[in-house]
Protein backbone atom coordinates (compact mmCIF):
# COMPACT_ATOMS: atom_id res chain seq x y z
CA UNK A 1 -23.54 25.01 -10.11
CA UNK A 2 -20.94 24.50 -12.84
CA UNK A 3 -17.57 23.23 -11.56
CA UNK A 4 -14.46 21.75 -13.13
CA UNK A 5 -13.67 18.10 -12.52
CA UNK A 6 -10.85 19.13 -10.19
CA UNK A 7 -13.24 21.23 -8.12
CA UNK A 8 -15.74 18.37 -8.05
CA UNK A 9 -13.05 16.08 -6.62
CA UNK A 10 -12.50 18.47 -3.71
CA UNK A 11 -16.22 19.05 -3.16
CA UNK A 12 -16.77 15.28 -3.04
CA UNK A 13 -13.97 14.91 -0.50
CA UNK A 14 -15.67 17.56 1.61
CA UNK A 15 -18.98 15.68 1.27
CA UNK A 16 -17.31 12.61 2.75
CA UNK A 17 -15.96 14.56 5.70
CA UNK A 18 -12.36 14.44 4.48
CA UNK A 19 -10.17 17.23 5.84
CA UNK A 20 -6.75 15.58 5.47
CA UNK A 21 -5.05 14.13 2.39
CA UNK A 22 -1.51 12.97 1.60
CA UNK A 23 0.15 13.14 -1.77
CA UNK A 24 2.69 14.32 -4.31
CA UNK A 25 1.89 16.49 -7.36
CA UNK A 26 2.83 16.03 -11.01
CA UNK A 27 1.79 17.05 -14.50
CA UNK A 28 -1.41 15.05 -14.98
CA UNK A 29 -2.81 15.90 -11.55
CA UNK A 30 -1.98 19.62 -11.67
CA UNK A 31 -5.59 20.71 -12.03
CA UNK A 32 -6.53 18.90 -8.82
CA UNK A 33 -3.57 20.45 -7.00
CA UNK A 34 -4.62 23.85 -8.26
CA UNK A 35 -8.03 23.20 -6.70
CA UNK A 36 -6.35 22.07 -3.47
CA UNK A 37 -4.56 25.43 -3.37
CA UNK A 38 -7.88 27.24 -3.64
CA UNK A 39 -9.58 24.95 -1.10
CA UNK A 40 -6.71 24.91 1.40
CA UNK A 41 -8.91 26.31 4.17
CA UNK A 42 -11.13 23.21 3.88
CA UNK A 43 -8.64 20.41 3.24
CA UNK A 44 -5.12 20.10 4.61
CA UNK A 45 -2.69 18.49 2.18
CA UNK A 46 0.53 16.89 3.45
CA UNK A 47 3.33 16.70 0.90
CA UNK A 48 5.29 13.52 1.59
CA UNK A 49 8.79 12.76 0.36
CA UNK A 50 7.62 9.88 -1.82
CA UNK A 51 4.24 8.65 -3.05
CA UNK A 52 4.68 5.40 -1.12
CA UNK A 53 4.95 7.50 2.03
CA UNK A 54 1.66 9.17 1.12
CA UNK A 55 -0.08 5.80 0.75
CA UNK A 56 1.28 4.57 4.09
CA UNK A 57 0.33 7.85 5.79
CA UNK A 58 -3.25 7.55 4.50
CA UNK A 59 -3.25 3.95 5.70
CA UNK A 60 -1.96 4.92 9.17
CA UNK A 61 -4.55 7.69 9.37
CA UNK A 62 -7.28 5.15 8.56
CA UNK A 63 -6.02 2.54 11.03
CA UNK A 64 -5.83 5.09 13.84
CA UNK A 65 -9.31 6.52 13.25
CA UNK A 66 -11.44 4.01 11.38
CA UNK A 67 -12.10 6.70 8.76
CA UNK A 68 -11.22 6.38 5.08
CA UNK A 69 -7.68 7.60 4.40
CA UNK A 70 -6.97 9.52 1.20
CA UNK A 71 -3.83 9.78 -0.93
CA UNK A 72 -3.13 11.39 -4.31
CA UNK A 73 -0.55 10.89 -7.03
CA UNK A 74 0.03 11.82 -10.62
CA UNK A 75 0.15 9.45 -13.59
CA UNK A 76 2.88 6.97 -14.50
CA UNK A 77 5.57 6.57 -11.84
CA UNK A 78 3.57 8.63 -9.37
CA UNK A 79 0.72 6.15 -9.57
CA UNK A 80 2.94 3.08 -9.54
CA UNK A 81 4.74 4.39 -6.46
CA UNK A 82 1.43 4.02 -4.61
CA UNK A 83 1.15 0.34 -5.45
CA UNK A 84 2.97 -1.10 -2.42
CA UNK A 85 0.96 1.10 -0.08
CA UNK A 86 -2.31 0.10 -1.75
CA UNK A 87 -1.37 -3.59 -1.52
CA UNK A 88 -0.50 -3.14 2.15
CA UNK A 89 -3.94 -1.69 2.85
CA UNK A 90 -5.59 -4.43 0.79
CA UNK A 91 -3.97 -7.28 2.69
CA UNK A 92 -4.98 -5.79 6.04
CA UNK A 93 -8.50 -4.65 5.02
CA UNK A 94 -7.85 -0.92 5.56
CA UNK A 95 -10.21 1.66 3.99
CA UNK A 96 -8.18 3.94 1.70
CA UNK A 97 -9.18 5.89 -1.41
CA UNK A 98 -6.26 6.52 -3.77
CA UNK A 99 -6.90 9.21 -6.37
CA UNK A 100 -4.60 9.30 -9.39
CA UNK A 101 -4.67 11.36 -12.57
CA UNK A 102 -3.87 9.98 -15.98
CA UNK A 103 -3.14 11.47 -19.38
CA UNK A 104 -6.08 12.89 -21.35
CA UNK A 105 -8.53 10.55 -23.06
CA UNK A 106 -7.09 11.16 -26.59
CA UNK A 107 -3.64 10.08 -25.31
CA UNK A 108 -4.74 6.86 -23.59
CA UNK A 109 -3.34 3.67 -25.10
CA UNK A 110 -0.68 5.51 -27.13
CA UNK A 111 2.29 4.97 -24.78
CA UNK A 112 2.09 8.66 -23.95
CA UNK A 113 4.53 10.34 -21.59
CA UNK A 114 3.90 9.10 -18.03
CA UNK A 115 0.93 7.02 -19.11
CA UNK A 116 0.25 3.79 -17.21
CA UNK A 117 -2.82 1.58 -16.96
CA UNK A 118 -2.97 1.94 -13.18
CA UNK A 119 -6.42 0.35 -12.96
CA UNK A 120 -5.00 -2.73 -14.66
CA UNK A 121 -1.96 -2.69 -12.39
CA UNK A 122 -4.00 -2.41 -9.20
CA UNK A 123 -6.93 -4.66 -10.06
CA UNK A 124 -5.66 -7.59 -7.91
CA UNK A 125 -4.84 -5.36 -4.91
CA UNK A 126 -7.91 -3.14 -4.62
CA UNK A 127 -11.39 -3.86 -3.41
CA UNK A 128 -12.50 -2.05 -6.58
CA UNK A 129 -11.05 0.52 -8.96
CA UNK A 130 -12.29 2.99 -11.57
CA UNK A 131 -11.05 5.07 -14.46
CA UNK A 132 -13.13 8.20 -15.10
CA UNK A 133 -13.18 9.43 -18.72
CA UNK A 134 -16.34 11.56 -18.52
CA UNK A 135 -16.68 14.49 -16.12
CA UNK A 136 -20.39 13.69 -15.74
CA UNK A 137 -19.44 10.38 -14.12
CA UNK A 138 -16.90 11.84 -11.71
CA UNK A 139 -18.93 12.78 -8.64
CA UNK A 140 -20.90 9.55 -8.43
CA UNK A 141 -17.69 7.53 -8.96
CA UNK A 142 -15.91 9.21 -6.05
CA UNK A 143 -18.97 8.77 -3.83
CA UNK A 144 -19.14 5.10 -4.77
CA UNK A 145 -15.40 4.71 -4.05
CA UNK A 146 -15.80 5.92 -0.48
CA UNK A 147 -18.84 3.72 0.07
CA UNK A 148 -17.03 0.63 -1.22
CA UNK A 149 -13.88 1.36 0.80
CA UNK A 150 -15.78 1.53 4.09
CA UNK A 151 -18.62 -0.95 3.67
CA UNK A 152 -18.57 -4.65 4.54
CA UNK A 153 -14.98 -5.81 4.83
CA UNK A 154 -13.05 -2.55 4.31
CA UNK A 155 -10.35 -2.13 1.72
CA UNK A 156 -8.61 0.27 -0.70
CA UNK A 157 -10.29 1.70 -3.78
CA UNK A 158 -8.47 3.52 -6.59
CA UNK A 159 -10.02 6.25 -8.74
CA UNK A 160 -8.00 7.18 -11.85
CA UNK A 161 -9.13 10.40 -13.55
CA UNK A 162 -7.95 11.55 -16.95
CA UNK A 163 -6.49 15.04 -17.06
CA UNK A 164 -9.11 16.43 -19.44
CA UNK A 165 -11.84 15.31 -17.03
CA UNK A 166 -10.22 17.37 -14.27
CA UNK A 167 -10.42 20.43 -16.58
CA UNK A 168 -13.88 19.91 -18.07
CA UNK A 169 -16.94 21.42 -16.42
CA UNK A 170 -20.32 19.99 -15.46
CA UNK A 171 -23.17 20.62 -13.06
CA UNK A 172 -22.44 19.72 -9.45
CA UNK A 173 -24.81 19.57 -6.48
CA UNK A 174 -24.11 18.41 -2.95
CA UNK A 175 -25.22 14.92 -1.92
CA UNK A 176 -25.28 13.57 1.61
CA UNK A 177 -23.10 10.42 1.87
CA UNK A 178 -24.98 7.12 1.74
CA UNK A 179 -24.74 5.34 5.13
CA UNK A 180 -22.11 2.62 5.20
CA UNK A 181 -23.57 -0.87 5.07
CA UNK A 182 -21.77 -3.22 7.44
CA UNK A 183 -23.52 -6.47 6.56
CA UNK A 184 -23.00 -7.76 3.00
CA UNK A 185 -26.22 -8.01 1.00
CA UNK A 186 -25.56 -11.60 0.01
CA UNK A 187 -25.78 -12.92 3.59
CA UNK A 188 -29.14 -11.47 4.58
CA UNK A 189 -30.79 -14.76 3.65
CA UNK A 190 -29.02 -16.55 6.51
CA UNK A 191 -31.20 -17.63 9.41
CA UNK A 192 -29.37 -15.64 12.07
CA UNK A 193 -31.30 -17.07 15.02
CA UNK A 194 -30.45 -20.65 14.02
CA UNK A 195 -26.79 -19.71 13.59
CA UNK A 196 -26.72 -18.04 17.01
CA UNK A 197 -28.37 -21.07 18.63
CA UNK A 198 -25.83 -23.43 17.05
CA UNK A 199 -22.97 -21.26 18.30
CA UNK A 200 -24.43 -21.12 21.81
CA UNK A 201 -24.79 -24.91 21.85
CA UNK A 202 -21.15 -25.36 20.81
CA UNK A 203 -19.99 -23.03 23.58
CA UNK A 204 -22.19 -24.69 26.24
CA UNK A 205 -20.90 -28.15 25.31
CA UNK A 206 -17.25 -27.05 25.37
CA UNK A 207 -14.97 -27.96 28.26
CA UNK A 208 -11.87 -26.25 26.90
CA UNK A 209 -12.83 -23.21 24.78
CA UNK A 210 -10.24 -20.75 23.44
CA UNK A 211 -11.11 -17.38 21.87
CA UNK A 212 -9.05 -16.17 18.89
CA UNK A 213 -9.36 -12.50 17.92
CA UNK A 214 -8.37 -10.81 14.66
CA UNK A 215 -8.46 -7.39 13.06
CA UNK A 216 -12.12 -7.71 12.12
CA UNK A 217 -13.01 -6.95 15.74
CA UNK A 218 -11.27 -3.59 15.43
CA UNK A 219 -12.85 -2.82 12.05
CA UNK A 220 -16.25 -3.53 13.55
CA UNK A 221 -15.59 -1.39 16.65
CA UNK A 222 -16.57 -4.47 18.69
CA UNK A 223 -13.99 -4.42 21.50
CA UNK A 224 -16.57 -3.90 24.26
CA UNK A 225 -18.69 -6.75 22.94
CA UNK A 226 -15.61 -9.01 22.82
CA UNK A 227 -14.80 -8.24 26.46
CA UNK A 228 -18.34 -9.13 27.49
CA UNK A 229 -18.22 -12.30 25.39
CA UNK A 230 -14.92 -13.43 26.97
CA UNK A 231 -16.39 -12.89 30.42
CA UNK A 232 -19.51 -14.88 29.48
CA UNK A 233 -17.57 -17.80 28.00
CA UNK A 234 -14.75 -17.61 30.59
CA UNK A 235 -12.05 -18.66 28.17
CA UNK A 236 -8.42 -17.77 27.51
CA UNK A 237 -7.79 -15.32 24.66
CA UNK A 238 -5.21 -15.09 21.90
CA UNK A 239 -4.93 -12.73 18.93
CA UNK A 240 -3.30 -11.95 15.61
CA UNK A 241 -1.02 -9.03 14.83
CA UNK A 242 -4.02 -7.20 13.40
CA UNK A 243 -6.13 -7.95 16.47
CA UNK A 244 -3.79 -6.36 19.01
CA UNK A 245 -5.67 -4.19 21.48
CA UNK A 246 -9.11 -5.53 20.57
CA UNK A 247 -8.87 -7.37 23.90
CA UNK A 248 -6.62 -5.83 26.58
CA UNK A 249 -3.12 -7.29 26.68
CA UNK A 250 -3.15 -6.58 30.42
CA UNK A 251 -6.10 -8.90 31.15
CA UNK A 252 -5.38 -12.09 33.08
CA UNK A 253 -7.16 -14.16 30.42
CA UNK A 254 -4.91 -12.86 27.63
CA UNK A 255 -2.30 -15.48 26.72
CA UNK A 256 -0.36 -13.66 24.03
CA UNK A 257 -0.26 -13.86 20.27
CA UNK A 258 -0.87 -17.04 18.24
CA UNK A 259 1.32 -18.47 15.50
CA UNK A 260 4.89 -18.39 14.25
CA UNK A 261 6.14 -16.03 16.96
CA UNK A 262 3.26 -16.56 19.36
CA UNK A 263 3.60 -17.60 22.96
CA UNK A 264 3.77 -21.20 24.05
CA UNK A 265 0.62 -20.68 26.13
CA UNK A 266 -1.31 -19.56 23.04
CA UNK A 267 0.09 -22.19 20.67
CA UNK A 268 -0.11 -25.13 23.06
CA UNK A 269 -3.44 -23.95 24.48
CA UNK A 270 -5.08 -23.71 21.05
CA UNK A 271 -3.69 -27.16 20.21
CA UNK A 272 -5.27 -28.60 23.38
CA UNK A 273 -8.63 -26.76 23.24
CA UNK A 274 -11.87 -28.47 22.20
CA UNK A 275 -13.49 -25.31 20.75
CA UNK A 276 -11.76 -22.43 19.00
CA UNK A 277 -14.02 -19.40 18.65
CA UNK A 278 -12.44 -17.33 15.88
CA UNK A 279 -13.66 -13.74 15.61
CA UNK A 280 -12.61 -11.56 12.68
CA UNK A 281 -9.48 -13.55 11.79
CA UNK A 282 -8.70 -15.24 8.49
CA UNK A 283 -6.40 -18.15 9.51
CA UNK A 284 -3.29 -16.93 7.69
CA UNK A 285 -0.37 -19.31 7.30
CA UNK A 286 1.67 -17.37 9.89
CA UNK A 287 -1.06 -18.19 12.43
CA UNK A 288 -1.91 -21.80 11.54
CA UNK A 289 1.48 -23.23 10.63
CA UNK A 290 0.64 -26.67 9.23
CA UNK A 291 -3.07 -26.13 8.50
CA UNK A 292 -3.82 -29.87 8.53
CA UNK A 293 -2.66 -30.09 12.15
CA UNK A 294 -3.97 -26.73 13.36
CA UNK A 295 -6.21 -26.98 16.45
CA UNK A 296 -6.78 -30.62 15.54
CA UNK A 297 -8.53 -31.38 18.84
CA UNK A 298 -11.02 -28.55 18.42
CA UNK A 299 -14.24 -27.71 16.68
CA UNK A 300 -13.99 -24.35 14.91
CA UNK A 301 -16.63 -21.64 15.27
CA UNK A 302 -15.82 -18.75 12.93
CA UNK A 303 -17.44 -15.30 12.96
CA UNK A 304 -16.53 -13.05 10.02
CA UNK A 305 -18.05 -10.45 7.72
CA UNK A 306 -16.52 -11.92 4.57
CA UNK A 307 -18.11 -15.16 3.29
CA UNK A 308 -14.94 -15.83 1.27
CA UNK A 309 -12.99 -16.47 4.49
CA UNK A 310 -15.27 -19.26 5.69
CA UNK A 311 -13.73 -22.71 5.12
CA UNK A 312 -10.98 -21.13 2.96
CA UNK A 313 -7.96 -22.16 5.02
CA UNK A 314 -9.50 -24.03 7.97
CA UNK A 315 -12.75 -26.02 7.93
CA UNK A 316 -15.35 -24.91 10.44
CA UNK A 317 -17.90 -26.78 12.51
CA UNK A 318 -20.14 -23.71 12.46
CA UNK A 319 -19.94 -20.12 11.29
CA UNK A 320 -21.83 -16.85 11.38
CA UNK A 321 -21.36 -14.29 8.61
CA UNK A 322 -22.02 -10.63 9.30
CA UNK A 323 -20.98 -7.61 11.31
CA UNK A 324 -19.07 -8.80 14.38
CA UNK A 325 -20.49 -6.13 16.67
CA UNK A 326 -24.06 -7.18 15.85
CA UNK A 327 -23.32 -10.90 16.06
CA UNK A 328 -21.59 -10.63 19.44
CA UNK A 329 -24.45 -8.51 20.75
CA UNK A 330 -26.83 -11.33 19.82
CA UNK A 331 -24.51 -14.00 21.23
CA UNK A 332 -24.03 -12.17 24.50
CA UNK A 333 -27.78 -11.85 24.86
CA UNK A 334 -28.37 -15.54 24.22
CA UNK A 335 -25.46 -16.99 26.21
CA UNK A 336 -25.50 -17.75 29.93
CA UNK A 337 -22.29 -17.33 31.91
CA UNK A 338 -20.06 -20.40 31.60
CA UNK A 339 -17.48 -21.78 34.04
CA UNK A 340 -14.13 -23.15 32.93
CA UNK A 341 -11.96 -22.61 36.02
CA UNK A 342 -9.97 -25.82 35.61
CA UNK A 343 -9.21 -25.11 31.93
CA UNK A 344 -8.22 -21.51 32.69
CA UNK A 345 -5.77 -22.69 35.34
CA UNK A 346 -4.32 -25.26 32.93
CA UNK A 347 -3.54 -22.61 30.31
CA UNK A 348 -2.28 -20.16 32.92
CA UNK A 349 0.04 -22.92 34.10
CA UNK A 350 1.52 -23.20 30.60
CA UNK A 351 1.97 -19.43 30.55
CA UNK A 352 3.73 -19.48 33.92
CA UNK A 353 5.94 -22.40 32.92
CA UNK A 354 6.92 -20.86 29.56
CA UNK A 355 7.00 -17.07 29.93
CA UNK A 356 8.54 -14.77 27.34
CA UNK A 357 12.25 -14.60 28.14
CA UNK A 358 15.16 -12.45 27.06
CA UNK A 359 18.67 -11.63 28.25
CA UNK A 360 18.36 -8.73 30.69
CA UNK A 361 22.08 -8.01 30.93
CA UNK A 362 22.39 -5.95 27.75
CA UNK A 363 20.50 -3.52 25.51
CA UNK A 364 18.30 -5.58 23.21
CA UNK A 365 14.99 -5.48 21.37
CA UNK A 366 12.71 -6.77 24.16
CA UNK A 367 14.29 -4.41 26.69
CA UNK A 368 13.79 -1.46 24.33
CA UNK A 369 10.09 -2.32 23.87
CA UNK A 370 9.52 -2.82 27.62
CA UNK A 371 11.20 0.51 28.33
CA UNK A 372 8.96 2.27 25.80
CA UNK A 373 5.92 0.57 27.33
CA UNK A 374 6.83 1.68 30.84
CA UNK A 375 7.70 5.22 29.73
CA UNK A 376 4.39 5.62 27.88
CA UNK A 377 2.36 3.65 30.48
CA UNK A 378 0.91 1.67 27.59
CA UNK A 379 -0.96 4.72 26.30
CA UNK A 380 0.97 5.36 23.06
CA UNK A 381 0.09 4.48 19.48
CA UNK A 382 2.82 2.17 18.22
CA UNK A 383 3.53 1.74 14.53
CA UNK A 384 6.13 -0.69 13.23
CA UNK A 385 7.88 -1.82 10.13
CA UNK A 386 8.43 -5.55 9.53
CA UNK A 387 10.88 -7.97 11.05
CA UNK A 388 12.33 -8.81 14.47
CA UNK A 389 11.44 -5.42 15.93
CA UNK A 390 7.82 -5.92 14.82
CA UNK A 391 7.62 -9.23 16.68
CA UNK A 392 9.24 -7.79 19.81
CA UNK A 393 6.76 -4.90 19.67
CA UNK A 394 3.88 -7.37 19.46
CA UNK A 395 5.22 -9.47 22.33
CA UNK A 396 6.47 -6.97 24.93
CA UNK A 397 4.17 -3.96 24.59
CA UNK A 398 0.78 -4.59 26.20
CA UNK A 399 -1.90 -3.03 24.00
CA UNK A 400 -4.92 -2.05 26.06
CA UNK A 401 -7.01 -0.42 23.35
CA UNK A 402 -7.87 -0.98 19.68
CA UNK A 403 -6.16 1.15 17.02
CA UNK A 404 -2.97 1.51 19.05
CA UNK A 405 -0.82 -1.08 17.22
CA UNK A 406 -0.50 -0.24 13.52
CA UNK A 407 1.57 -2.69 11.52
CA UNK A 408 1.72 -4.34 8.11
CA UNK A 409 0.45 -7.83 8.89
CA UNK A 410 -0.57 -9.44 5.60
CA UNK A 411 1.92 -7.98 3.13
CA UNK A 412 4.83 -7.50 5.54
CA UNK A 413 5.89 -4.17 4.07
CA UNK A 414 9.32 -2.89 5.02
CA UNK A 415 9.15 0.92 5.10
CA UNK A 416 5.49 1.01 6.17
CA UNK A 417 5.93 2.31 9.71
CA UNK A 418 7.23 5.85 9.34
CA UNK A 419 4.54 7.00 6.89
CA UNK A 420 1.89 5.29 9.02
CA UNK A 421 3.32 6.98 12.11
CA UNK A 422 2.96 10.40 10.48
CA UNK A 423 -0.61 9.65 9.43
CA UNK A 424 -1.53 8.38 12.90
CA UNK A 425 -0.02 11.41 14.65
CA UNK A 426 -1.91 13.80 12.36
CA UNK A 427 -5.10 11.85 13.11
CA UNK A 428 -4.43 11.72 16.87
CA UNK A 429 -2.38 14.82 17.74
CA UNK A 430 -2.88 14.40 21.50
CA UNK A 431 -1.42 10.88 21.54
CA UNK A 432 2.24 9.90 21.74
CA UNK A 433 2.96 8.11 18.46
CA UNK A 434 6.13 6.04 18.11
CA UNK A 435 7.42 4.13 15.10
CA UNK A 436 9.63 1.15 15.84
CA UNK A 437 11.80 0.04 12.93
CA UNK A 438 14.82 -2.06 12.24
CA UNK A 439 17.74 -0.42 10.49
CA UNK A 440 16.93 -2.33 7.29
CA UNK A 441 13.36 -1.04 7.26
CA UNK A 442 14.34 2.50 8.22
CA UNK A 443 16.56 2.68 5.15
CA UNK A 444 13.50 2.05 2.96
CA UNK A 445 11.51 5.22 3.71
CA UNK A 446 13.59 7.25 6.16
CA UNK A 447 13.19 10.29 3.88
CA UNK A 448 9.75 10.74 5.46
CA UNK A 449 11.55 12.16 8.51
CA UNK A 450 11.78 15.28 6.31
CA UNK A 451 7.97 15.28 6.05
CA UNK A 452 7.64 15.19 9.83
CA UNK A 453 10.13 18.04 10.16
CA UNK A 454 8.47 20.15 7.45
CA UNK A 455 5.10 20.03 9.20
CA UNK A 456 6.50 19.99 12.76
CA UNK A 457 4.89 16.62 13.50
CA UNK A 458 6.36 15.43 16.83
CA UNK A 459 6.73 11.72 16.14
CA UNK A 460 9.34 9.48 17.77
CA UNK A 461 11.26 7.13 15.49
CA UNK A 462 13.06 4.32 17.32
CA UNK A 463 15.55 2.35 15.22
CA UNK A 464 16.50 -1.04 16.64
CA UNK A 465 19.82 -1.15 14.87
CA UNK A 466 21.73 -4.43 14.63
CA UNK A 467 23.48 -3.59 11.34
CA UNK A 468 21.89 -6.63 9.68
CA UNK A 469 18.59 -7.73 8.22
CA UNK A 470 17.73 -9.31 11.54
CA UNK A 471 14.83 -11.63 10.76
CA UNK A 472 16.42 -12.92 7.57
CA UNK A 473 19.70 -13.45 9.42
CA UNK A 474 17.82 -15.36 12.13
CA UNK A 475 16.49 -17.75 9.48
CA UNK A 476 19.96 -18.03 7.95
CA UNK A 477 21.33 -18.94 11.38
CA UNK A 478 18.68 -21.53 12.18
CA UNK A 479 17.97 -23.06 8.78
CA UNK A 480 20.78 -22.08 6.35
CA UNK A 481 23.91 -23.10 8.31
CA UNK A 482 24.86 -19.44 8.94
CA UNK A 483 25.34 -18.57 5.29
CA UNK A 484 24.73 -14.83 5.70
CA UNK A 485 24.09 -13.97 2.07
CA UNK A 486 23.56 -10.20 1.63
CA UNK A 487 22.12 -9.55 5.10
CA UNK A 488 24.98 -7.60 6.72
CA UNK A 489 25.22 -3.80 6.48
CA UNK A 490 28.95 -3.15 6.37
CA UNK A 491 28.80 0.62 6.32
CA UNK A 492 29.31 3.54 8.66
CA UNK A 493 25.83 5.06 8.47
CA UNK A 494 24.97 7.06 11.60
CA UNK A 495 21.19 7.46 11.85
CA UNK A 496 21.41 10.04 14.63
CA UNK A 497 23.60 12.33 12.50
CA UNK A 498 21.40 11.69 9.49
CA UNK A 499 18.36 12.72 11.52
CA UNK A 500 20.07 15.98 12.44
CA UNK A 501 20.86 16.59 8.77
CA UNK A 502 17.14 16.20 7.97
CA UNK A 503 16.22 18.71 10.67
CA UNK A 504 15.12 16.26 13.38
CA UNK A 505 16.70 15.54 16.75
CA UNK A 506 19.06 12.56 16.65
CA UNK A 507 19.95 10.50 19.72
CA UNK A 508 22.31 7.53 19.72
CA UNK A 509 21.82 4.86 22.41
CA UNK A 510 24.28 2.07 23.12
CA UNK A 511 23.49 1.11 26.75
CA UNK A 512 20.42 0.34 28.85
CA UNK A 513 21.14 3.35 31.03
CA UNK A 514 20.97 5.71 28.06
CA UNK A 515 17.69 4.35 26.74
CA UNK A 516 15.20 5.56 29.35
CA UNK A 517 16.67 9.07 29.29
CA UNK A 518 16.44 9.11 25.49
CA UNK A 519 12.78 8.05 25.44
CA UNK A 520 11.81 10.57 28.12
CA UNK A 521 13.75 13.33 26.36
CA UNK A 522 12.09 12.53 23.04
CA UNK A 523 8.62 12.64 24.59
CA UNK A 524 9.31 16.05 26.08
CA UNK A 525 10.82 17.74 23.03
CA UNK A 526 7.63 17.96 20.94
CA UNK A 527 9.78 17.64 17.82
CA UNK A 528 10.52 14.80 15.39
CA UNK A 529 13.13 12.62 17.11
CA UNK A 530 15.14 9.64 15.86
CA UNK A 531 16.57 7.33 18.55
CA UNK A 532 19.21 5.01 17.12
CA UNK A 533 19.52 1.98 19.45
CA UNK A 534 22.54 -0.25 18.81
CA UNK A 535 22.01 -3.93 19.64
CA UNK A 536 23.82 -7.18 18.91
CA UNK A 537 23.45 -8.59 15.41
CA UNK A 538 22.63 -12.09 16.65
CA UNK A 539 19.71 -11.26 18.96
CA UNK A 540 16.75 -13.42 17.99
CA UNK A 541 12.98 -13.49 18.31
CA UNK A 542 11.59 -16.36 20.36
CA UNK A 543 9.35 -18.32 20.62
CA UNK A 544 9.28 -19.52 17.04
CA UNK A 545 7.54 -22.14 14.90
CA UNK A 546 9.41 -23.34 11.79
CA UNK A 547 7.60 -22.52 8.54
CA UNK A 548 5.06 -25.22 7.73
CA UNK A 549 5.37 -26.97 11.08
CA UNK A 550 2.42 -27.46 13.48
CA UNK A 551 2.12 -24.65 16.01
CA UNK A 552 2.60 -27.09 18.90
CA UNK A 553 6.22 -27.45 17.71
CA UNK A 554 6.88 -23.93 19.04
CA UNK A 555 10.37 -23.62 20.50
CA UNK A 556 12.52 -21.06 22.26
CA UNK A 557 16.23 -20.64 22.93
CA UNK A 558 16.14 -23.06 25.87
CA UNK A 559 14.77 -25.78 23.59
CA UNK A 560 17.68 -25.27 21.20
């Protein structure tokens, strides 16, 4: 049948099983929005307050479900406003398809009104991108975009469509989506059985193994296989920010997060281990500290789907490239149960000697997170922005399941959490979804509270408000002789009143006693709620490893 390009876009979204999109209209994308109006019974569009909010909402939707998230924007500033959200998804390997519209083909390259080369802009921060100048190429391009976004190591793909293509007509016929390929084509030549045997031999010969889990486990839906593997190896477990929930934070073998704000048990344990089994993690600098001294007593066994991550930051003794779920299934089948009782007790002893500590006398970040954990019984989806509150949320909330901790790990995007929270709540309407932000981050994209109010999305926004840029101030205190350059908010902004002005419920909390009541009230209201929690400006996140130092130099407030 003959359809316009705009109609083909919607039909292709339907082919891919998309029923939810986030975006903001404008001149060049009007034809697509006109089609959305006519297809509104098939696809629900959420109008955000800013295009960046749309990108983060699509990202949060994808993280919470494993599906490809979709966002739309018009040309020029609409497209460039997606860039930070696209880069956030790229750094964390999140499958998102961003659809933008550009000026018509005759106007390209002429500095036309709201023209931008968005494919050029986003080339370094997308898994792939396209510009469509021929309506006959449109359907197959969109289909390819979804396949690329979800296959192998996931990531964002941008499709830019000129306005005349959205108006032109061509023949369209339905095509069933091509199954997603998990294993990259270029690694099929590997002798998998030899790789598995080498890994099994390393594990059998290890006296002090440690298992390190990253976000790839969640992308691969391999949490059950990881649990079986941990039981087989009998080893302590640590994770990255992106790996939270892939292995239960309530398990006795879980020793906390690794790296700059990781636990002493994780950092000192990894330093002392003789084998580090790394599953779906990329050895970022925030994890390794001084890479030359990272796990220097250990052999490294790395399992990852992306060949580019092997020996990139840390040299391995052995590696297996492919889908983690499949590899762990093979490993679990080939591996006999190991015993490492003495090693387990050694690491548990470190954990008991150096537990996470905080001052319990006053309202502070760790207490707020623990209260939220207890009130939700660990069953909520937690999104965060970036900074001290993010680290407290990673340390004091025990994530039992994958896709329940959604945070910007690689890019560290302030303003990410609220859009992601909206996307996650839309994806998982029966779950309690809470965004935890600092006051600096909340200022970035707090206008998305209006989006939650408009669509009656009952999210809970908790602001850990210390009236400063907390993490930057912490560094200024520890490393810059307390020169607090441009990190103090000397204003009278009241987030609770602002929330009320945007149509949400605003609650101000200044004491521990008020906090539990506020969280319980917010959960029961079934409305968008902003809880403004006032804490001291000099509260800090510990433990900590100085930038560039070995992770065994982890210190806390007692060490200072």
